[in-house]
Protein backbone atom coordinates (compact mmCIF):
# COMPACT_ATOMS: atom_id res chain seq x y z
CA MET A 1 -0.10 0.26 -0.02
CA TYR A 2 1.03 3.93 -0.65
CA ILE A 3 0.74 6.97 1.00
CA PHE A 4 1.23 9.33 -0.86
CA ASP A 5 2.49 13.25 -0.34
CA THR A 6 1.57 16.22 -1.74
CA ASN A 7 4.46 16.73 -3.78
CA ALA A 8 3.81 13.23 -5.24
CA PHE A 9 0.53 14.35 -6.20
CA TYR A 10 2.25 17.85 -7.96
CA VAL A 11 4.93 15.68 -9.98
CA LEU A 12 1.88 14.17 -11.46
CA GLY A 13 0.56 17.21 -12.75
CA ASN A 14 3.28 17.02 -15.43
CA TYR A 15 1.30 13.92 -16.72
CA TYR A 16 -2.15 15.01 -18.44
CA PRO A 17 -4.18 12.38 -18.45
CA PRO A 18 -5.64 13.34 -21.80
CA ARG A 19 -1.52 12.51 -22.98
CA PHE A 20 -0.85 9.60 -19.89
CA PRO A 21 -4.06 7.68 -19.46
CA SER A 22 -2.38 4.53 -18.20
CA ILE A 23 -0.94 6.54 -15.50
CA TRP A 24 -4.16 8.07 -14.21
CA GLU A 25 -6.41 4.48 -15.45
CA HIS A 26 -3.65 2.80 -12.82
CA LEU A 27 -3.69 4.88 -9.72
CA SER A 28 -7.68 5.08 -10.05
CA LEU A 29 -7.33 1.23 -9.73
CA LEU A 30 -4.82 1.97 -6.87
CA VAL A 31 -7.39 3.56 -5.29
CA SER A 32 -10.48 1.83 -5.76
CA GLU A 33 -8.56 -1.63 -4.61
CA GLU A 34 -7.81 0.79 -1.58
CA LYS A 35 -3.70 0.07 -2.44
CA LEU A 36 -3.06 4.19 -2.44
CA TRP A 37 -4.20 6.49 0.10
CA SER A 38 -2.98 9.56 1.67
CA VAL A 39 -4.10 12.15 4.78
CA LYS A 40 -7.05 14.46 5.16
CA GLU A 41 -4.47 17.53 5.52
CA VAL A 42 -3.02 16.40 1.57
CA ARG A 43 -5.89 17.17 0.85
CA ARG A 44 -5.93 20.50 1.92
CA GLU A 45 -2.38 21.37 0.35
CA ILE A 46 -3.91 20.58 -2.58
CA GLU A 47 -6.89 22.32 -2.30
CA GLY A 48 -5.71 25.47 -1.45
CA ASN A 49 -2.27 25.55 -3.36
CA CYS A 50 -2.09 23.23 -6.06
CA PRO A 51 -0.79 24.08 -9.46
CA PHE A 52 -2.76 21.84 -11.49
CA GLU A 53 -6.11 21.85 -12.25
CA HIS A 54 -6.99 18.08 -13.74
CA ILE A 55 -4.94 17.45 -9.63
CA THR A 56 -7.22 19.53 -8.21
CA ASP A 57 -10.60 17.87 -10.29
CA TRP A 58 -9.22 14.30 -9.26
CA VAL A 59 -9.00 14.62 -5.94
CA LYS A 60 -12.38 15.76 -5.91
CA ALA A 61 -13.40 13.17 -7.92
CA HIS A 62 -11.26 10.63 -5.09
CA SER A 63 -11.63 12.16 -1.95
CA HIS A 64 -12.49 9.40 -0.31
CA LEU A 65 -8.88 8.39 -0.24
CA PHE A 66 -8.34 11.07 2.19
CA ARG A 67 -8.34 9.62 5.56
CA LYS A 68 -8.83 11.15 8.77
CA PRO A 69 -5.99 10.13 11.51
CA ASP A 70 -7.18 7.41 14.28
CA SER A 71 -6.08 7.09 17.42
CA PRO A 72 -2.83 4.86 16.66
CA GLU A 73 -1.64 7.45 13.92
CA LEU A 74 -2.39 10.77 16.61
CA LYS A 75 -0.40 8.14 19.60
CA ILE A 76 2.71 8.57 16.66
CA VAL A 77 2.30 12.12 15.73
CA SER A 78 3.15 12.85 18.97
CA GLN A 79 6.43 10.42 19.14
CA ILE A 80 7.14 12.49 16.25
CA PHE A 81 7.04 15.86 17.73
CA LEU A 82 9.40 14.14 21.05
CA GLU A 83 11.74 14.31 18.29
CA LYS A 84 13.69 18.45 19.15
CA ASN A 85 14.29 18.37 15.04
CA PHE A 86 11.16 17.10 13.75
CA MET A 87 9.06 20.07 15.23
CA GLY A 88 10.44 22.09 11.83
CA LEU A 89 7.37 19.85 10.42
CA VAL A 90 5.68 23.04 11.34
CA ARG A 91 6.27 26.15 10.27
CA ARG A 92 5.38 28.95 12.55
CA SER A 93 4.06 30.68 9.61
CA HIS A 94 1.62 27.99 9.05
CA ILE A 95 0.70 27.90 12.49
CA LEU A 96 -0.18 31.31 12.47
CA LYS A 97 -2.09 31.19 9.26
CA GLY A 98 -4.05 28.10 9.86
CA LEU A 99 -2.67 26.18 7.09
CA PRO A 100 -2.46 22.23 6.63
CA VAL A 101 0.70 20.41 7.74
CA ALA A 102 0.21 16.99 6.32
CA ASP A 103 4.18 15.43 7.03
CA PRO A 104 3.80 14.16 10.28
CA PHE A 105 0.37 12.16 9.32
CA ILE A 106 1.56 10.70 6.74
CA VAL A 107 4.60 9.03 8.50
CA ALA A 108 2.30 8.32 11.15
CA ALA A 109 0.12 6.48 9.18
CA ALA A 110 2.34 5.01 6.86
CA LYS A 111 4.09 3.87 10.40
CA VAL A 112 0.45 2.07 11.69
CA TYR A 113 -1.02 0.45 8.54
CA ASN A 114 3.09 -0.75 7.06
CA CYS A 115 2.39 1.51 4.06
CA LEU A 116 5.12 2.90 1.72
CA VAL A 117 5.33 6.94 1.71
CA VAL A 118 5.03 8.03 -1.53
CA THR A 119 7.41 11.72 -1.35
CA GLN A 120 9.64 13.67 -3.33
CA GLU A 121 11.69 15.02 -0.28
CA SER A 122 15.09 14.04 -0.10
CA PHE A 123 16.57 12.77 3.44
CA LYS A 124 18.76 15.09 5.39
CA LYS A 125 20.47 14.10 8.34
CA GLY A 126 19.21 15.81 11.66
CA GLY A 127 16.55 17.70 9.17
CA ALA A 128 12.26 17.87 9.91
CA ARG A 129 11.79 16.30 6.35
CA ILE A 130 9.52 12.90 6.07
CA PRO A 131 12.41 10.84 4.53
CA THR A 132 14.29 11.88 7.42
CA VAL A 133 11.30 10.95 10.11
CA CYS A 134 10.33 7.93 8.11
CA GLU A 135 13.96 6.51 8.73
CA LYS A 136 13.84 7.47 12.36
CA PHE A 137 10.85 5.38 12.34
CA GLU A 138 11.29 2.90 10.79
CA VAL A 139 9.24 3.27 7.76
CA GLU A 140 9.84 2.86 4.31
CA TYR A 141 9.58 5.55 1.54
CA ILE A 142 9.85 6.29 -2.33
CA ASN A 143 10.05 8.33 -5.06
CA ILE A 144 7.50 8.64 -7.95
CA GLU A 145 9.99 7.30 -10.28
CA GLY A 146 10.61 4.30 -7.66
CA PHE A 147 6.76 3.84 -7.41
CA LEU A 148 6.27 4.20 -11.41
CA GLU A 149 9.07 1.29 -11.13
CA LEU A 150 7.23 -0.66 -8.54
CA GLU A 151 3.73 -0.63 -10.64
CA ASP A 152 5.64 -1.59 -13.35
CA ILE A 153 3.64 1.58 -14.90
CA GLU A 154 5.47 2.91 -17.95
CA LEU A 155 4.78 5.90 -19.64
């Protein structure tokens, strides 16, 4: 199972459905099989800042794939924030503006449900990035290219 980060959806924004229908058909199939999902905060990030109209439309059509965190996930989120360097996952400006913050929820959901995180972020030792949190919490992660390869999706 896969949990997508916001930036993974944005990368897919470069693959327009009329030109790359096989990608979008495969994504929809994974969603219908409940093998691809994400968290509510990712949906909020996309709705508030997505540069691709077809991504926004696809997200609206597949809104059920964005799940609310449950109690075990929230417990992991609290454990993430016990690590001082992971406090940087939430920028002060996001707090002040009430903007969504998906990263800790993505990692927590992946940990609880043994999913593979799909993100374009890269590991930065001691940094507040999804791969760094994944490494700390023993969660696997890949980028979109790795996802396309694992799923044997060809353009």
